[in-house]
């Protein structure tokens, strides 16, 4: 589980923001129990952005696939009408 710091802890001790490349932590408002932010190290950030890039490509490929399927179904329908 990630380490959780309160916003006041960070304002009193900013050195808590220094983290390792594979570490992460959450900053939250301890009184209202709301998450204010997530800090991640460089390795985790690179992994996250690589994942986002692959997801974007996969979403584009799925849109192309769906468009091609729709077009194929449309052509199939006109072919059936012609026969």
PDB file of N, CA and C in Angstrom:
ATOM      1  N   UNK A   1       0.837  -1.178   0.000  1.00  0.00           N
ATOM      2  CA  UNK A   1       0.000   0.000   0.000  1.00  0.00           C
ATOM      3  C   UNK A   1       0.882   1.241   0.000  1.00  0.00           C
ATOM      4  N   UNK A   2       0.417   2.280  -0.625  1.00  0.00           N
ATOM      5  CA  UNK A   2       1.159   3.526  -0.712  1.00  0.00           C
ATOM      6  C   UNK A   2       1.195   4.241   0.632  1.00  0.00           C
ATOM      7  N   UNK A   3       2.251   4.998   0.837  1.00  0.00           N
ATOM      8  CA  UNK A   3       2.358   5.846   2.018  1.00  0.00           C
ATOM      9  C   UNK A   3       1.420   7.029   1.825  1.00  0.00           C
ATOM     10  N   UNK A   4       0.827   7.483   2.899  1.00  0.00           N
ATOM     11  CA  UNK A   4      -0.086   8.618   2.824  1.00  0.00           C
ATOM     12  C   UNK A   4       0.404   9.711   3.771  1.00  0.00           C
ATOM     13  N   UNK A   5       0.557  10.927   3.241  1.00  0.00           N
ATOM     14  CA  UNK A   5       0.949  12.072   4.055  1.00  0.00           C
ATOM     15  C   UNK A   5      -0.193  13.073   4.073  1.00  0.00           C
ATOM     16  N   UNK A   6      -0.326  13.776   5.170  1.00  0.00           N
ATOM     17  CA  UNK A   6      -1.293  14.857   5.244  1.00  0.00           C
ATOM     18  C   UNK A   6      -0.726  16.115   4.605  1.00  0.00           C
ATOM     19  N   UNK A   7      -1.604  16.979   4.145  1.00  0.00           N
ATOM     20  CA  UNK A   7      -1.176  18.227   3.510  1.00  0.00           C
ATOM     21  C   UNK A   7      -0.357  19.072   4.480  1.00  0.00           C
ATOM     22  N   UNK A   8      -0.730  19.070   5.745  1.00  0.00           N
ATOM     23  CA  UNK A   8       0.034  19.832   6.747  1.00  0.00           C
ATOM     24  C   UNK A   8       1.419  19.241   6.940  1.00  0.00           C
ATOM     25  N   UNK A   9       1.535  17.915   6.883  1.00  0.00           N
ATOM     26  CA  UNK A   9       2.853  17.283   7.008  1.00  0.00           C
ATOM     27  C   UNK A   9       3.789  17.771   5.915  1.00  0.00           C
ATOM     28  N   UNK A  10       3.270  17.858   4.700  1.00  0.00           N
ATOM     29  CA  UNK A  10       4.078  18.305   3.559  1.00  0.00           C
ATOM     30  C   UNK A  10       4.466  19.769   3.718  1.00  0.00           C
ATOM     31  N   UNK A  11       3.520  20.609   4.149  1.00  0.00           N
ATOM     32  CA  UNK A  11       3.844  22.036   4.291  1.00  0.00           C
ATOM     33  C   UNK A  11       4.859  22.266   5.407  1.00  0.00           C
ATOM     34  N   UNK A  12       4.849  21.435   6.424  1.00  0.00           N
ATOM     35  CA  UNK A  12       5.812  21.567   7.521  1.00  0.00           C
ATOM     36  C   UNK A  12       7.158  20.935   7.190  1.00  0.00           C
ATOM     37  N   UNK A  13       7.144  19.922   6.331  1.00  0.00           N
ATOM     38  CA  UNK A  13       8.379  19.213   6.001  1.00  0.00           C
ATOM     39  C   UNK A  13       8.410  18.908   4.500  1.00  0.00           C
ATOM     40  N   UNK A  14       8.764  19.896   3.669  1.00  0.00           N
ATOM     41  CA  UNK A  14       8.751  19.699   2.213  1.00  0.00           C
ATOM     42  C   UNK A  14       9.722  18.628   1.718  1.00  0.00           C
ATOM     43  N   UNK A  15      10.682  18.247   2.549  1.00  0.00           N
ATOM     44  CA  UNK A  15      11.621  17.205   2.120  1.00  0.00           C
ATOM     45  C   UNK A  15      10.926  15.859   1.935  1.00  0.00           C
ATOM     46  N   UNK A  16       9.704  15.730   2.428  1.00  0.00           N
ATOM     47  CA  UNK A  16       8.944  14.493   2.209  1.00  0.00           C
ATOM     48  C   UNK A  16       8.635  14.281   0.731  1.00  0.00           C
ATOM     49  N   UNK A  17       8.694  15.366  -0.058  1.00  0.00           N
ATOM     50  CA  UNK A  17       8.403  15.255  -1.488  1.00  0.00           C
ATOM     51  C   UNK A  17       9.521  14.560  -2.259  1.00  0.00           C
ATOM     52  N   UNK A  18      10.683  14.389  -1.648  1.00  0.00           N
ATOM     53  CA  UNK A  18      11.776  13.670  -2.314  1.00  0.00           C
ATOM     54  C   UNK A  18      11.497  12.172  -2.222  1.00  0.00           C
ATOM     55  N   UNK A  19      11.336  11.557  -3.380  1.00  0.00           N
ATOM     56  CA  UNK A  19      11.035  10.125  -3.391  1.00  0.00           C
ATOM     57  C   UNK A  19      11.958   9.416  -4.366  1.00  0.00           C
ATOM     58  N   UNK A  20      12.101   8.116  -4.189  1.00  0.00           N
ATOM     59  CA  UNK A  20      12.897   7.300  -5.094  1.00  0.00           C
ATOM     60  C   UNK A  20      12.166   7.064  -6.401  1.00  0.00           C
ATOM     61  N   UNK A  21      12.900   6.539  -7.379  1.00  0.00           N
ATOM     62  CA  UNK A  21      12.306   6.380  -8.709  1.00  0.00           C
ATOM     63  C   UNK A  21      11.207   5.331  -8.766  1.00  0.00           C
ATOM     64  N   UNK A  22      11.179   4.402  -7.829  1.00  0.00           N
ATOM     65  CA  UNK A  22      10.135   3.370  -7.820  1.00  0.00           C
ATOM     66  C   UNK A  22       9.145   3.538  -6.671  1.00  0.00           C
ATOM     67  N   UNK A  23       9.164   4.690  -6.033  1.00  0.00           N
ATOM     68  CA  UNK A  23       8.281   4.924  -4.895  1.00  0.00           C
ATOM     69  C   UNK A  23       7.085   5.782  -5.297  1.00  0.00           C
ATOM     70  N   UNK A  24       6.082   5.769  -4.459  1.00  0.00           N
ATOM     71  CA  UNK A  24       4.914   6.623  -4.659  1.00  0.00           C
ATOM     72  C   UNK A  24       4.287   6.919  -3.307  1.00  0.00           C
ATOM     73  N   UNK A  25       3.541   8.000  -3.237  1.00  0.00           N
ATOM     74  CA  UNK A  25       2.781   8.298  -2.030  1.00  0.00           C
ATOM     75  C   UNK A  25       1.598   9.184  -2.367  1.00  0.00           C
ATOM     76  N   UNK A  26       0.675   9.247  -1.436  1.00  0.00           N
ATOM     77  CA  UNK A  26      -0.563   9.999  -1.603  1.00  0.00           C
ATOM     78  C   UNK A  26      -0.575  11.148  -0.598  1.00  0.00           C
ATOM     79  N   UNK A  27      -1.025  12.308  -1.049  1.00  0.00           N
ATOM     80  CA  UNK A  27      -1.237  13.437  -0.140  1.00  0.00           C
ATOM     81  C   UNK A  27      -2.740  13.594   0.024  1.00  0.00           C
ATOM     82  N   UNK A  28      -3.159  13.677   1.271  1.00  0.00           N
ATOM     83  CA  UNK A  28      -4.590  13.813   1.514  1.00  0.00           C
ATOM     84  C   UNK A  28      -4.868  14.820   2.618  1.00  0.00           C
ATOM     85  N   UNK A  29      -6.070  15.320   2.611  1.00  0.00           N
ATOM     86  CA  UNK A  29      -6.549  16.180   3.687  1.00  0.00           C
ATOM     87  C   UNK A  29      -7.061  15.232   4.763  1.00  0.00           C
ATOM     88  N   UNK A  30      -6.328  15.134   5.846  1.00  0.00           N
ATOM     89  CA  UNK A  30      -6.653  14.144   6.881  1.00  0.00           C
ATOM     90  C   UNK A  30      -7.996  14.423   7.563  1.00  0.00           C
ATOM     91  N   UNK A  31      -8.377  15.705   7.657  1.00  0.00           N
ATOM     92  CA  UNK A  31      -9.652  16.024   8.320  1.00  0.00           C
ATOM     93  C   UNK A  31     -10.846  15.587   7.483  1.00  0.00           C
ATOM     94  N   UNK A  32     -10.827  15.925   6.194  1.00  0.00           N
ATOM     95  CA  UNK A  32     -11.979  15.593   5.344  1.00  0.00           C
ATOM     96  C   UNK A  32     -11.806  14.262   4.615  1.00  0.00           C
ATOM     97  N   UNK A  33     -10.659  13.621   4.804  1.00  0.00           N
ATOM     98  CA  UNK A  33     -10.374  12.320   4.190  1.00  0.00           C
ATOM     99  C   UNK A  33     -10.502  12.350   2.668  1.00  0.00           C
ATOM    100  N   UNK A  34      -9.987  13.439   2.064  1.00  0.00           N
ATOM    101  CA  UNK A  34     -10.001  13.566   0.608  1.00  0.00           C
ATOM    102  C   UNK A  34      -8.581  13.482   0.080  1.00  0.00           C
ATOM    103  N   UNK A  35      -8.416  12.751  -1.010  1.00  0.00           N
ATOM    104  CA  UNK A  35      -7.108  12.674  -1.653  1.00  0.00           C
ATOM    105  C   UNK A  35      -6.862  13.950  -2.444  1.00  0.00           C
ATOM    106  N   UNK A  36      -5.702  14.555  -2.224  1.00  0.00           N
ATOM    107  CA  UNK A  36      -5.357  15.797  -2.910  1.00  0.00           C
ATOM    108  C   UNK A  36      -4.409  15.563  -4.076  1.00  0.00           C
ATOM    109  N   UNK A  37      -3.623  14.511  -4.013  1.00  0.00           N
ATOM    110  CA  UNK A  37      -2.684  14.255  -5.099  1.00  0.00           C
ATOM    111  C   UNK A  37      -1.918  12.967  -4.882  1.00  0.00           C
ATOM    112  N   UNK A  38      -1.300  12.511  -5.954  1.00  0.00           N
ATOM    113  CA  UNK A  38      -0.470  11.314  -5.923  1.00  0.00           C
ATOM    114  C   UNK A  38       0.876  11.674  -6.520  1.00  0.00           C
ATOM    115  N   UNK A  39       1.932  11.346  -5.844  1.00  0.00           N
ATOM    116  CA  UNK A  39       3.284  11.559  -6.349  1.00  0.00           C
ATOM    117  C   UNK A  39       3.884  10.201  -6.671  1.00  0.00           C
ATOM    118  N   UNK A  40       4.494  10.102  -7.864  1.00  0.00           N
ATOM    119  CA  UNK A  40       5.128   8.849  -8.263  1.00  0.00           C
ATOM    120  C   UNK A  40       6.550   9.127  -8.723  1.00  0.00           C
ATOM    121  N   UNK A  41       7.421   8.149  -8.550  1.00  0.00           N
ATOM    122  CA  UNK A  41       8.812   8.276  -8.977  1.00  0.00           C
ATOM    123  C   UNK A  41       8.942   8.175 -10.488  1.00  0.00           C
ATOM    124  N   UNK A  42      10.154   8.450 -10.989  1.00  0.00           N
ATOM    125  CA  UNK A  42      10.393   8.501 -12.435  1.00  0.00           C
ATOM    126  C   UNK A  42      10.097   7.179 -13.139  1.00  0.00           C
ATOM    127  N   UNK A  43      10.531   6.075 -12.582  1.00  0.00           N
ATOM    128  CA  UNK A  43      10.297   4.784 -13.245  1.00  0.00           C
ATOM    129  C   UNK A  43       8.805   4.490 -13.353  1.00  0.00           C
ATOM    130  N   UNK A  44       8.090   4.768 -12.280  1.00  0.00           N
ATOM    131  CA  UNK A  44       6.645   4.543 -12.314  1.00  0.00           C
ATOM    132  C   UNK A  44       5.965   5.495 -13.288  1.00  0.00           C
ATOM    133  N   UNK A  45       6.447   6.729 -13.365  1.00  0.00           N
ATOM    134  CA  UNK A  45       5.870   7.702 -14.298  1.00  0.00           C
ATOM    135  C   UNK A  45       6.102   7.266 -15.743  1.00  0.00           C
ATOM    136  N   UNK A  46       7.316   6.810 -16.056  1.00  0.00           N
ATOM    137  CA  UNK A  46       7.603   6.339 -17.414  1.00  0.00           C
ATOM    138  C   UNK A  46       6.725   5.149 -17.770  1.00  0.00           C
ATOM    139  N   UNK A  47       6.568   4.233 -16.826  1.00  0.00           N
ATOM    140  CA  UNK A  47       5.707   3.066 -17.050  1.00  0.00           C
ATOM    141  C   UNK A  47       4.259   3.503 -17.293  1.00  0.00           C
ATOM    142  N   UNK A  48       3.793   4.472 -16.515  1.00  0.00           N
ATOM    143  CA  UNK A  48       2.429   4.972 -16.661  1.00  0.00           C
ATOM    144  C   UNK A  48       2.226   5.616 -18.030  1.00  0.00           C
ATOM    145  N   UNK A  49       3.162   6.484 -18.450  1.00  0.00           N
ATOM    146  CA  UNK A  49       3.008   7.164 -19.735  1.00  0.00           C
ATOM    147  C   UNK A  49       3.128   6.188 -20.904  1.00  0.00           C
ATOM    148  N   UNK A  50       3.948   5.162 -20.771  1.00  0.00           N
ATOM    149  CA  UNK A  50       4.039   4.128 -21.807  1.00  0.00           C
ATOM    150  C   UNK A  50       2.706   3.387 -21.921  1.00  0.00           C
ATOM    151  N   UNK A  51       2.103   3.087 -20.772  1.00  0.00           N
ATOM    152  CA  UNK A  51       0.790   2.440 -20.753  1.00  0.00           C
ATOM    153  C   UNK A  51      -0.261   3.320 -21.432  1.00  0.00           C
ATOM    154  N   UNK A  52      -0.255   4.624 -21.101  1.00  0.00           N
ATOM    155  CA  UNK A  52      -1.229   5.545 -21.695  1.00  0.00           C
ATOM    156  C   UNK A  52      -1.062   5.629 -23.210  1.00  0.00           C
ATOM    157  N   UNK A  53       0.196   5.624 -23.680  1.00  0.00           N
ATOM    158  CA  UNK A  53       0.461   5.686 -25.116  1.00  0.00           C
ATOM    159  C   UNK A  53      -0.078   4.430 -25.808  1.00  0.00           C
ATOM    160  N   UNK A  54       0.167   3.263 -25.202  1.00  0.00           N
ATOM    161  CA  UNK A  54      -0.328   2.010 -25.782  1.00  0.00           C
ATOM    162  C   UNK A  54      -1.852   1.970 -25.765  1.00  0.00           C
ATOM    163  N   UNK A  55      -2.452   2.477 -24.690  1.00  0.00           N
ATOM    164  CA  UNK A  55      -3.914   2.494 -24.599  1.00  0.00           C
ATOM    165  C   UNK A  55      -4.506   3.394 -25.675  1.00  0.00           C
ATOM    166  N   UNK A  56      -3.869   4.527 -25.935  1.00  0.00           N
ATOM    167  CA  UNK A  56      -4.350   5.445 -26.967  1.00  0.00           C
ATOM    168  C   UNK A  56      -4.284   4.778 -28.341  1.00  0.00           C
ATOM    169  N   UNK A  57      -3.187   4.065 -28.619  1.00  0.00           N
ATOM    170  CA  UNK A  57      -3.060   3.352 -29.893  1.00  0.00           C
ATOM    171  C   UNK A  57      -4.099   2.241 -30.008  1.00  0.00           C
ATOM    172  N   UNK A  58      -4.325   1.525 -28.917  1.00  0.00           N
ATOM    173  CA  UNK A  58      -5.316   0.449 -28.921  1.00  0.00           C
ATOM    174  C   UNK A  58      -6.719   1.005 -29.143  1.00  0.00           C
ATOM    175  N   UNK A  59      -7.030   2.129 -28.512  1.00  0.00           N
ATOM    176  CA  UNK A  59      -8.340   2.758 -28.717  1.00  0.00           C
ATOM    177  C   UNK A  59      -8.520   3.182 -30.171  1.00  0.00           C
ATOM    178  N   UNK A  60      -7.462   3.740 -30.785  1.00  0.00           N
ATOM    179  CA  UNK A  60      -7.535   4.142 -32.195  1.00  0.00           C
ATOM    180  C   UNK A  60      -7.741   2.919 -33.083  1.00  0.00           C
ATOM    181  N   UNK A  61      -7.032   1.830 -32.787  1.00  0.00           N
ATOM    182  CA  UNK A  61      -7.185   0.603 -33.572  1.00  0.00           C
ATOM    183  C   UNK A  61      -8.598   0.043 -33.430  1.00  0.00           C
ATOM    184  N   UNK A  62      -9.157   0.111 -32.233  1.00  0.00           N
ATOM    185  CA  UNK A  62     -10.527  -0.373 -32.023  1.00  0.00           C
ATOM    186  C   UNK A  62     -11.544   0.476 -32.777  1.00  0.00           C
ATOM    187  N   UNK A  63     -11.313   1.791 -32.858  1.00  0.00           N
ATOM    188  CA  UNK A  63     -12.209   2.663 -33.631  1.00  0.00           C
ATOM    189  C   UNK A  63     -12.139   2.317 -35.113  1.00  0.00           C
ATOM    190  N   UNK A  64     -10.924   2.072 -35.618  1.00  0.00           N
ATOM    191  CA  UNK A  64     -10.758   1.687 -37.025  1.00  0.00           C
ATOM    192  C   UNK A  64     -11.455   0.360 -37.285  1.00  0.00           C
ATOM    193  N   UNK A  65     -11.292  -0.582 -36.358  1.00  0.00           N
ATOM    194  CA  UNK A  65     -11.931  -1.894 -36.495  1.00  0.00           C
ATOM    195  C   UNK A  65     -13.449  -1.748 -36.531  1.00  0.00           C
ATOM    196  N   UNK A  66     -13.988  -0.944 -35.625  1.00  0.00           N
ATOM    197  CA  UNK A  66     -15.438  -0.746 -35.571  1.00  0.00           C
ATOM    198  C   UNK A  66     -15.937  -0.072 -36.843  1.00  0.00           C
ATOM    199  N   UNK A  67     -15.193   0.911 -37.329  1.00  0.00           N
ATOM    200  CA  UNK A  67     -15.572   1.610 -38.558  1.00  0.00           C
ATOM    201  C   UNK A  67     -15.551   0.647 -39.746  1.00  0.00           C
ATOM    202  N   UNK A  68     -14.515  -0.197 -39.815  1.00  0.00           N
ATOM    203  CA  UNK A  68     -14.423  -1.169 -40.904  1.00  0.00           C
ATOM    204  C   UNK A  68     -15.566  -2.177 -40.827  1.00  0.00           C
ATOM    205  N   UNK A  69     -15.910  -2.607 -39.614  1.00  0.00           N
ATOM    206  CA  UNK A  69     -17.013  -3.561 -39.447  1.00  0.00           C
ATOM    207  C   UNK A  69     -18.330  -2.928 -39.893  1.00  0.00           C
ATOM    208  N   UNK A  70     -18.554  -1.673 -39.518  1.00  0.00           N
ATOM    209  CA  UNK A  70     -19.769  -0.963 -39.920  1.00  0.00           C
ATOM    210  C   UNK A  70     -19.830  -0.836 -41.436  1.00  0.00           C
ATOM    211  N   UNK A  71     -18.710  -0.470 -42.036  1.00  0.00           N
ATOM    212  CA  UNK A  71     -18.648  -0.325 -43.495  1.00  0.00           C
ATOM    213  C   UNK A  71     -18.892  -1.672 -44.176  1.00  0.00           C
ATOM    214  N   UNK A  72     -18.301  -2.741 -43.639  1.00  0.00           N
ATOM    215  CA  UNK A  72     -18.493  -4.080 -44.201  1.00  0.00           C
ATOM    216  C   UNK A  72     -19.965  -4.484 -44.121  1.00  0.00           C
ATOM    217  N   UNK A  73     -20.577  -4.246 -42.955  1.00  0.00           N
ATOM    218  CA  UNK A  73     -21.996  -4.587 -42.797  1.00  0.00           C
ATOM    219  C   UNK A  73     -22.859  -3.794 -43.775  1.00  0.00           C
ATOM    220  N   UNK A  74     -22.502  -2.531 -43.993  1.00  0.00           N
ATOM    221  CA  UNK A  74     -23.230  -1.691 -44.942  1.00  0.00           C
ATOM    222  C   UNK A  74     -23.088  -2.233 -46.364  1.00  0.00           C
ATOM    223  N   UNK A  75     -21.870  -2.603 -46.738  1.00  0.00           N
ATOM    224  CA  UNK A  75     -21.625  -3.153 -48.075  1.00  0.00           C
ATOM    225  C   UNK A  75     -22.318  -4.504 -48.242  1.00  0.00           C
ATOM    226  N   UNK A  76     -22.311  -5.293 -47.199  1.00  0.00           N
ATOM    227  CA  UNK A  76     -22.979  -6.600 -47.221  1.00  0.00           C
ATOM    228  C   UNK A  76     -24.474  -6.416 -47.455  1.00  0.00           C
ATOM    229  N   UNK A  77     -25.054  -5.397 -46.815  1.00  0.00           N
ATOM    230  CA  UNK A  77     -26.480  -5.120 -46.983  1.00  0.00           C
ATOM    231  C   UNK A  77     -26.814  -4.686 -48.397  1.00  0.00           C
ATOM    232  N   UNK A  78     -25.977  -3.838 -49.003  1.00  0.00           N
ATOM    233  CA  UNK A  78     -26.243  -3.394 -50.372  1.00  0.00           C
ATOM    234  C   UNK A  78     -26.034  -4.529 -51.357  1.00  0.00           C
ATOM    235  N   UNK A  79     -25.111  -5.419 -51.062  1.00  0.00           N
ATOM    236  CA  UNK A  79     -24.888  -6.580 -51.925  1.00  0.00           C
ATOM    237  C   UNK A  79     -26.106  -7.495 -51.884  1.00  0.00           C
ATOM    238  N   UNK A  80     -26.657  -7.700 -50.691  1.00  0.00           N
ATOM    239  CA  UNK A  80     -27.851  -8.539 -50.552  1.00  0.00           C
ATOM    240  C   UNK A  80     -29.042  -7.909 -51.271  1.00  0.00           C
ATOM    241  N   UNK A  81     -29.150  -6.582 -51.242  1.00  0.00           N
ATOM    242  CA  UNK A  81     -30.247  -5.887 -51.917  1.00  0.00           C
ATOM    243  C   UNK A  81     -30.139  -6.028 -53.431  1.00  0.00           C
ATOM    244  N   UNK A  82     -28.917  -6.084 -53.920  1.00  0.00           N
ATOM    245  CA  UNK A  82     -28.711  -6.155 -55.366  1.00  0.00           C
ATOM    246  C   UNK A  82     -28.991  -7.525 -55.942  1.00  0.00           C
ATOM    247  N   UNK A  83     -28.942  -8.556 -55.133  1.00  0.00           N
ATOM    248  CA  UNK A  83     -29.148  -9.913 -55.662  1.00  0.00           C
ATOM    249  C   UNK A  83     -30.560 -10.334 -55.602  1.00  0.00           C
TER     250      UNK A  83
END
